[in-house]
């Protein structure tokens, strides 16, 4: 790849990142329009040097400014973020240990925020209600260890006391319990990471020029 091609790829990568919060169909239309504009401007240049390309890209505009103008035109505003969004994620994961009311407070903060879409809010609420609390409660449940009965018996011709164990969970039940525990631990952690990544992307978006 030549330096000129690298400059063009870097510019389009920045443009893609700057437009990431714009709906896909509209985003692709904007990028296609920009690429067409760049190609037409390059055709008017006296040569195909890297310097000519950089001059054209400077005239087209900075990707962040193009994205800001597109949001204003499409009436798309940068989500308002605050420390309450971080608190929502923490409470959804650990708030159940505060007598469940903590998790409920996290769910309320989640739905009041404009950072996440409705789909993301549903995922955050339903996977897993109570956060890590259900996993803790499952671990705290008393296990069925079965029972032992002892009585007189003969082993290798010697009279002795023989004990037999009965009951207890089957290997299948143990496997199901372990699988459920893994799900109850992993699912809320992955959900928190998912919501956290969306929050970080929202915070990195350039500010609205009209704000």
C-alpha atoms as a PDB file:
ATOM      1  CA  UNK A   1       0.000   0.000   0.000  1.00  0.00           C
ATOM      2  CA  UNK A   2       1.371   3.422  -1.006  1.00  0.00           C
ATOM      3  CA  UNK A   3       1.474   6.387   1.347  1.00  0.00           C
ATOM      4  CA  UNK A   4      -1.266   8.054  -0.717  1.00  0.00           C
ATOM      5  CA  UNK A   5      -3.551   5.044  -0.305  1.00  0.00           C
ATOM      6  CA  UNK A   6      -2.789   4.987   3.424  1.00  0.00           C
ATOM      7  CA  UNK A   7      -3.769   8.648   3.760  1.00  0.00           C
ATOM      8  CA  UNK A   8      -7.085   7.955   2.042  1.00  0.00           C
ATOM      9  CA  UNK A   9      -7.770   4.852   4.152  1.00  0.00           C
ATOM     10  CA  UNK A  10      -6.972   6.715   7.374  1.00  0.00           C
ATOM     11  CA  UNK A  11      -9.356   9.526   6.419  1.00  0.00           C
ATOM     12  CA  UNK A  12     -12.213   7.129   5.636  1.00  0.00           C
ATOM     13  CA  UNK A  13     -11.557   5.167   8.846  1.00  0.00           C
ATOM     14  CA  UNK A  14     -11.861   8.402  10.838  1.00  0.00           C
ATOM     15  CA  UNK A  15     -15.033   9.256   8.969  1.00  0.00           C
ATOM     16  CA  UNK A  16     -16.535   5.847   9.758  1.00  0.00           C
ATOM     17  CA  UNK A  17     -15.706   6.242  13.451  1.00  0.00           C
ATOM     18  CA  UNK A  18     -17.074   9.781  13.597  1.00  0.00           C
ATOM     19  CA  UNK A  19     -20.369   8.665  12.024  1.00  0.00           C
ATOM     20  CA  UNK A  20     -20.768   5.497  14.115  1.00  0.00           C
ATOM     21  CA  UNK A  21     -23.806   6.788  16.028  1.00  0.00           C
ATOM     22  CA  UNK A  22     -25.724   7.590  12.817  1.00  0.00           C
ATOM     23  CA  UNK A  23     -28.101   4.873  11.467  1.00  0.00           C
ATOM     24  CA  UNK A  24     -26.369   2.528   9.029  1.00  0.00           C
ATOM     25  CA  UNK A  25     -28.362   3.437   5.899  1.00  0.00           C
ATOM     26  CA  UNK A  26     -27.805   7.147   6.415  1.00  0.00           C
ATOM     27  CA  UNK A  27     -24.178   6.652   7.407  1.00  0.00           C
ATOM     28  CA  UNK A  28     -23.371   4.723   4.236  1.00  0.00           C
ATOM     29  CA  UNK A  29     -25.119   7.374   2.145  1.00  0.00           C
ATOM     30  CA  UNK A  30     -23.026  10.135   3.718  1.00  0.00           C
ATOM     31  CA  UNK A  31     -19.778   8.210   3.208  1.00  0.00           C
ATOM     32  CA  UNK A  32     -20.670   7.430  -0.406  1.00  0.00           C
ATOM     33  CA  UNK A  33     -21.399  11.105  -1.015  1.00  0.00           C
ATOM     34  CA  UNK A  34     -18.064  12.140   0.532  1.00  0.00           C
ATOM     35  CA  UNK A  35     -16.122   9.569  -1.495  1.00  0.00           C
ATOM     36  CA  UNK A  36     -17.789  10.780  -4.709  1.00  0.00           C
ATOM     37  CA  UNK A  37     -16.937  14.369  -3.811  1.00  0.00           C
ATOM     38  CA  UNK A  38     -13.312  13.418  -3.157  1.00  0.00           C
ATOM     39  CA  UNK A  39     -13.033  11.550  -6.476  1.00  0.00           C
ATOM     40  CA  UNK A  40     -14.459  14.505  -8.406  1.00  0.00           C
ATOM     41  CA  UNK A  41     -12.084  16.896  -6.650  1.00  0.00           C
ATOM     42  CA  UNK A  42      -9.100  14.645  -7.382  1.00  0.00           C
ATOM     43  CA  UNK A  43     -10.019  14.556 -11.076  1.00  0.00           C
ATOM     44  CA  UNK A  44      -9.597  18.319 -11.139  1.00  0.00           C
ATOM     45  CA  UNK A  45      -6.120  18.163  -9.571  1.00  0.00           C
ATOM     46  CA  UNK A  46      -3.083  18.539 -11.857  1.00  0.00           C
ATOM     47  CA  UNK A  47      -1.462  15.323 -10.531  1.00  0.00           C
ATOM     48  CA  UNK A  48      -2.208  12.319  -8.346  1.00  0.00           C
ATOM     49  CA  UNK A  49       0.398  13.038  -5.697  1.00  0.00           C
ATOM     50  CA  UNK A  50      -0.049  12.639  -1.968  1.00  0.00           C
ATOM     51  CA  UNK A  51       0.081  16.415  -1.567  1.00  0.00           C
ATOM     52  CA  UNK A  52      -2.867  16.832  -3.957  1.00  0.00           C
ATOM     53  CA  UNK A  53      -4.874  14.272  -2.006  1.00  0.00           C
ATOM     54  CA  UNK A  54      -4.160  16.011   1.292  1.00  0.00           C
ATOM     55  CA  UNK A  55      -5.247  19.336  -0.204  1.00  0.00           C
ATOM     56  CA  UNK A  56      -8.520  17.788  -1.381  1.00  0.00           C
ATOM     57  CA  UNK A  57      -9.171  16.187   2.019  1.00  0.00           C
ATOM     58  CA  UNK A  58      -8.508  19.509   3.741  1.00  0.00           C
ATOM     59  CA  UNK A  59     -11.121  21.153   1.515  1.00  0.00           C
ATOM     60  CA  UNK A  60     -13.636  18.343   2.076  1.00  0.00           C
ATOM     61  CA  UNK A  61     -13.354  18.865   5.815  1.00  0.00           C
ATOM     62  CA  UNK A  62     -12.419  17.147   9.057  1.00  0.00           C
ATOM     63  CA  UNK A  63     -14.384  13.897   9.646  1.00  0.00           C
ATOM     64  CA  UNK A  64     -15.552  15.083  13.070  1.00  0.00           C
ATOM     65  CA  UNK A  65     -16.934  18.289  11.587  1.00  0.00           C
ATOM     66  CA  UNK A  66     -18.652  16.373   8.790  1.00  0.00           C
ATOM     67  CA  UNK A  67     -20.222  14.051  11.376  1.00  0.00           C
ATOM     68  CA  UNK A  68     -21.374  16.992  13.531  1.00  0.00           C
ATOM     69  CA  UNK A  69     -23.022  18.650  10.542  1.00  0.00           C
ATOM     70  CA  UNK A  70     -24.696  15.345   9.624  1.00  0.00           C
ATOM     71  CA  UNK A  71     -26.080  14.931  13.163  1.00  0.00           C
ATOM     72  CA  UNK A  72     -27.421  18.473  13.111  1.00  0.00           C
ATOM     73  CA  UNK A  73     -29.037  17.937   9.708  1.00  0.00           C
ATOM     74  CA  UNK A  74     -30.560  14.620  10.781  1.00  0.00           C
ATOM     75  CA  UNK A  75     -31.493  15.987  14.230  1.00  0.00           C
ATOM     76  CA  UNK A  76     -29.338  13.400  15.999  1.00  0.00           C
ATOM     77  CA  UNK A  77     -27.955  14.665  19.285  1.00  0.00           C
ATOM     78  CA  UNK A  78     -25.028  13.319  21.265  1.00  0.00           C
ATOM     79  CA  UNK A  79     -26.392  11.344  24.248  1.00  0.00           C
ATOM     80  CA  UNK A  80     -26.061  13.138  27.566  1.00  0.00           C
ATOM     81  CA  UNK A  81     -23.747  11.160  29.825  1.00  0.00           C
ATOM     82  CA  UNK A  82     -23.050  11.497  33.532  1.00  0.00           C
ATOM     83  CA  UNK A  83     -21.683   9.571  36.489  1.00  0.00           C
ATOM     84  CA  UNK A  84     -25.188   8.186  37.008  1.00  0.00           C
ATOM     85  CA  UNK A  85     -24.702   6.014  33.908  1.00  0.00           C
ATOM     86  CA  UNK A  86     -21.646   4.385  35.476  1.00  0.00           C
ATOM     87  CA  UNK A  87     -23.578   3.967  38.731  1.00  0.00           C
ATOM     88  CA  UNK A  88     -26.383   2.238  36.821  1.00  0.00           C
ATOM     89  CA  UNK A  89     -23.981  -0.409  35.506  1.00  0.00           C
ATOM     90  CA  UNK A  90     -22.438  -0.968  38.940  1.00  0.00           C
ATOM     91  CA  UNK A  91     -25.841  -1.311  40.608  1.00  0.00           C
ATOM     92  CA  UNK A  92     -27.134  -3.674  37.939  1.00  0.00           C
ATOM     93  CA  UNK A  93     -24.164  -5.943  38.649  1.00  0.00           C
ATOM     94  CA  UNK A  94     -23.790  -5.622  42.439  1.00  0.00           C
ATOM     95  CA  UNK A  95     -26.869  -3.752  43.665  1.00  0.00           C
ATOM     96  CA  UNK A  96     -28.689  -6.968  44.498  1.00  0.00           C
ATOM     97  CA  UNK A  97     -26.480  -7.330  47.547  1.00  0.00           C
ATOM     98  CA  UNK A  98     -28.020  -4.114  48.928  1.00  0.00           C
ATOM     99  CA  UNK A  99     -31.297  -5.836  49.664  1.00  0.00           C
ATOM    100  CA  UNK A 100     -32.363  -5.950  45.959  1.00  0.00           C
ATOM    101  CA  UNK A 101     -33.321  -2.259  46.137  1.00  0.00           C
ATOM    102  CA  UNK A 102     -29.863  -1.434  44.812  1.00  0.00           C
ATOM    103  CA  UNK A 103     -30.452  -3.471  41.657  1.00  0.00           C
ATOM    104  CA  UNK A 104     -33.880  -1.866  41.197  1.00  0.00           C
ATOM    105  CA  UNK A 105     -32.251   1.577  41.466  1.00  0.00           C
ATOM    106  CA  UNK A 106     -29.763   0.532  38.772  1.00  0.00           C
ATOM    107  CA  UNK A 107     -32.579  -0.572  36.462  1.00  0.00           C
ATOM    108  CA  UNK A 108     -34.362   2.747  36.989  1.00  0.00           C
ATOM    109  CA  UNK A 109     -31.178   4.704  36.151  1.00  0.00           C
ATOM    110  CA  UNK A 110     -30.690   2.508  33.077  1.00  0.00           C
ATOM    111  CA  UNK A 111     -34.155   3.322  31.707  1.00  0.00           C
ATOM    112  CA  UNK A 112     -33.865   7.036  32.521  1.00  0.00           C
ATOM    113  CA  UNK A 113     -30.591   7.368  30.593  1.00  0.00           C
ATOM    114  CA  UNK A 114     -30.534   8.314  26.899  1.00  0.00           C
ATOM    115  CA  UNK A 115     -27.175   6.579  26.357  1.00  0.00           C
ATOM    116  CA  UNK A 116     -28.645   3.148  25.649  1.00  0.00           C
ATOM    117  CA  UNK A 117     -31.223   2.031  23.105  1.00  0.00           C
ATOM    118  CA  UNK A 118     -34.454   0.323  24.144  1.00  0.00           C
ATOM    119  CA  UNK A 119     -32.991  -3.040  23.081  1.00  0.00           C
ATOM    120  CA  UNK A 120     -29.934  -2.487  25.267  1.00  0.00           C
ATOM    121  CA  UNK A 121     -32.106  -1.454  28.209  1.00  0.00           C
ATOM    122  CA  UNK A 122     -34.154  -4.660  27.890  1.00  0.00           C
ATOM    123  CA  UNK A 123     -30.957  -6.738  27.835  1.00  0.00           C
ATOM    124  CA  UNK A 124     -29.599  -4.850  30.840  1.00  0.00           C
ATOM    125  CA  UNK A 125     -32.808  -5.478  32.775  1.00  0.00           C
ATOM    126  CA  UNK A 126     -33.427  -9.123  31.923  1.00  0.00           C
ATOM    127  CA  UNK A 127     -29.852 -10.502  31.885  1.00  0.00           C
ATOM    128  CA  UNK A 128     -29.759 -11.293  34.806  1.00  0.00           C
ATOM    129  CA  UNK A 129     -32.299  -9.693  37.197  1.00  0.00           C
ATOM    130  CA  UNK A 130     -30.471  -9.119  40.471  1.00  0.00           C
ATOM    131  CA  UNK A 131     -27.019  -9.132  38.859  1.00  0.00           C
ATOM    132  CA  UNK A 132     -24.646 -11.469  40.700  1.00  0.00           C
ATOM    133  CA  UNK A 133     -27.041 -11.991  43.623  1.00  0.00           C
ATOM    134  CA  UNK A 134     -28.763 -15.100  42.132  1.00  0.00           C
ATOM    135  CA  UNK A 135     -25.345 -16.771  41.710  1.00  0.00           C
ATOM    136  CA  UNK A 136     -24.521 -16.022  45.351  1.00  0.00           C
ATOM    137  CA  UNK A 137     -27.866 -17.399  46.519  1.00  0.00           C
ATOM    138  CA  UNK A 138     -27.324 -20.564  44.498  1.00  0.00           C
ATOM    139  CA  UNK A 139     -23.940 -21.069  46.140  1.00  0.00           C
ATOM    140  CA  UNK A 140     -25.476 -20.462  49.562  1.00  0.00           C
ATOM    141  CA  UNK A 141     -28.149 -23.146  49.141  1.00  0.00           C
ATOM    142  CA  UNK A 142     -27.539 -26.202  51.335  1.00  0.00           C
ATOM    143  CA  UNK A 143     -26.515 -29.149  49.213  1.00  0.00           C
ATOM    144  CA  UNK A 144     -28.045 -32.594  49.380  1.00  0.00           C
ATOM    145  CA  UNK A 145     -25.120 -34.670  50.617  1.00  0.00           C
ATOM    146  CA  UNK A 146     -27.205 -37.809  51.115  1.00  0.00           C
ATOM    147  CA  UNK A 147     -27.024 -39.995  54.220  1.00  0.00           C
ATOM    148  CA  UNK A 148     -24.939 -42.817  55.617  1.00  0.00           C
ATOM    149  CA  UNK A 149     -26.161 -45.954  57.418  1.00  0.00           C
ATOM    150  CA  UNK A 150     -23.850 -48.155  59.424  1.00  0.00           C
ATOM    151  CA  UNK A 151     -24.283 -51.681  60.805  1.00  0.00           C
ATOM    152  CA  UNK A 152     -22.472 -54.876  61.544  1.00  0.00           C
ATOM    153  CA  UNK A 153     -20.970 -56.723  58.626  1.00  0.00           C
ATOM    154  CA  UNK A 154     -18.202 -59.026  57.494  1.00  0.00           C
ATOM    155  CA  UNK A 155     -15.253 -57.907  55.353  1.00  0.00           C
ATOM    156  CA  UNK A 156     -12.749 -60.567  54.264  1.00  0.00           C
ATOM    157  CA  UNK A 157     -14.089 -62.890  56.934  1.00  0.00           C
ATOM    158  CA  UNK A 158     -13.661 -60.300  59.688  1.00  0.00           C
ATOM    159  CA  UNK A 159     -16.621 -58.942  61.580  1.00  0.00           C
ATOM    160  CA  UNK A 160     -16.640 -55.149  61.450  1.00  0.00           C
ATOM    161  CA  UNK A 161     -18.914 -52.160  61.061  1.00  0.00           C
ATOM    162  CA  UNK A 162     -19.916 -51.443  57.482  1.00  0.00           C
ATOM    163  CA  UNK A 163     -21.286 -48.058  56.377  1.00  0.00           C
ATOM    164  CA  UNK A 164     -23.202 -47.349  53.169  1.00  0.00           C
ATOM    165  CA  UNK A 165     -23.941 -43.956  51.665  1.00  0.00           C
ATOM    166  CA  UNK A 166     -27.314 -43.348  50.038  1.00  0.00           C
ATOM    167  CA  UNK A 167     -28.910 -40.426  48.261  1.00  0.00           C
ATOM    168  CA  UNK A 168     -27.078 -37.266  47.204  1.00  0.00           C
ATOM    169  CA  UNK A 169     -27.245 -35.484  43.854  1.00  0.00           C
ATOM    170  CA  UNK A 170     -26.666 -37.437  40.681  1.00  0.00           C
ATOM    171  CA  UNK A 171     -23.805 -36.496  38.330  1.00  0.00           C
ATOM    172  CA  UNK A 172     -26.403 -35.029  35.943  1.00  0.00           C
ATOM    173  CA  UNK A 173     -27.868 -32.813  38.667  1.00  0.00           C
ATOM    174  CA  UNK A 174     -24.391 -31.689  39.680  1.00  0.00           C
ATOM    175  CA  UNK A 175     -23.574 -30.814  36.068  1.00  0.00           C
ATOM    176  CA  UNK A 176     -26.800 -28.826  35.663  1.00  0.00           C
ATOM    177  CA  UNK A 177     -26.121 -26.922  38.890  1.00  0.00           C
ATOM    178  CA  UNK A 178     -22.582 -26.042  37.810  1.00  0.00           C
ATOM    179  CA  UNK A 179     -23.792 -24.935  34.366  1.00  0.00           C
ATOM    180  CA  UNK A 180     -26.488 -22.746  35.907  1.00  0.00           C
ATOM    181  CA  UNK A 181     -23.957 -21.204  38.283  1.00  0.00           C
ATOM    182  CA  UNK A 182     -21.624 -20.362  35.404  1.00  0.00           C
ATOM    183  CA  UNK A 183     -24.475 -18.705  33.499  1.00  0.00           C
ATOM    184  CA  UNK A 184     -25.551 -16.691  36.545  1.00  0.00           C
ATOM    185  CA  UNK A 185     -21.998 -15.417  37.000  1.00  0.00           C
ATOM    186  CA  UNK A 186     -20.944 -14.850  33.391  1.00  0.00           C
ATOM    187  CA  UNK A 187     -24.187 -13.389  31.967  1.00  0.00           C
ATOM    188  CA  UNK A 188     -24.419 -10.295  34.205  1.00  0.00           C
ATOM    189  CA  UNK A 189     -20.677  -9.625  33.851  1.00  0.00           C
ATOM    190  CA  UNK A 190     -20.870  -9.746  30.044  1.00  0.00           C
ATOM    191  CA  UNK A 191     -23.969  -7.542  30.130  1.00  0.00           C
ATOM    192  CA  UNK A 192     -22.124  -4.973  32.235  1.00  0.00           C
ATOM    193  CA  UNK A 193     -19.223  -4.990  29.763  1.00  0.00           C
ATOM    194  CA  UNK A 194     -21.688  -4.591  26.873  1.00  0.00           C
ATOM    195  CA  UNK A 195     -23.386  -1.590  28.485  1.00  0.00           C
ATOM    196  CA  UNK A 196     -20.032  -0.133  29.510  1.00  0.00           C
ATOM    197  CA  UNK A 197     -18.673  -0.223  25.958  1.00  0.00           C
ATOM    198  CA  UNK A 198     -21.731   1.649  24.691  1.00  0.00           C
ATOM    199  CA  UNK A 199     -21.242   4.243  27.429  1.00  0.00           C
ATOM    200  CA  UNK A 200     -17.571   4.715  26.554  1.00  0.00           C
ATOM    201  CA  UNK A 201     -18.418   5.172  22.863  1.00  0.00           C
ATOM    202  CA  UNK A 202     -21.032   7.786  23.768  1.00  0.00           C
ATOM    203  CA  UNK A 203     -18.500   9.694  25.863  1.00  0.00           C
ATOM    204  CA  UNK A 204     -15.981   9.723  23.022  1.00  0.00           C
ATOM    205  CA  UNK A 205     -18.412  11.279  20.560  1.00  0.00           C
ATOM    206  CA  UNK A 206     -17.581  14.895  19.656  1.00  0.00           C
ATOM    207  CA  UNK A 207     -19.777  17.512  21.295  1.00  0.00           C
ATOM    208  CA  UNK A 208     -22.671  18.985  19.319  1.00  0.00           C
ATOM    209  CA  UNK A 209     -21.710  22.310  17.779  1.00  0.00           C
ATOM    210  CA  UNK A 210     -25.084  23.714  18.855  1.00  0.00           C
ATOM    211  CA  UNK A 211     -24.692  22.754  22.525  1.00  0.00           C
END
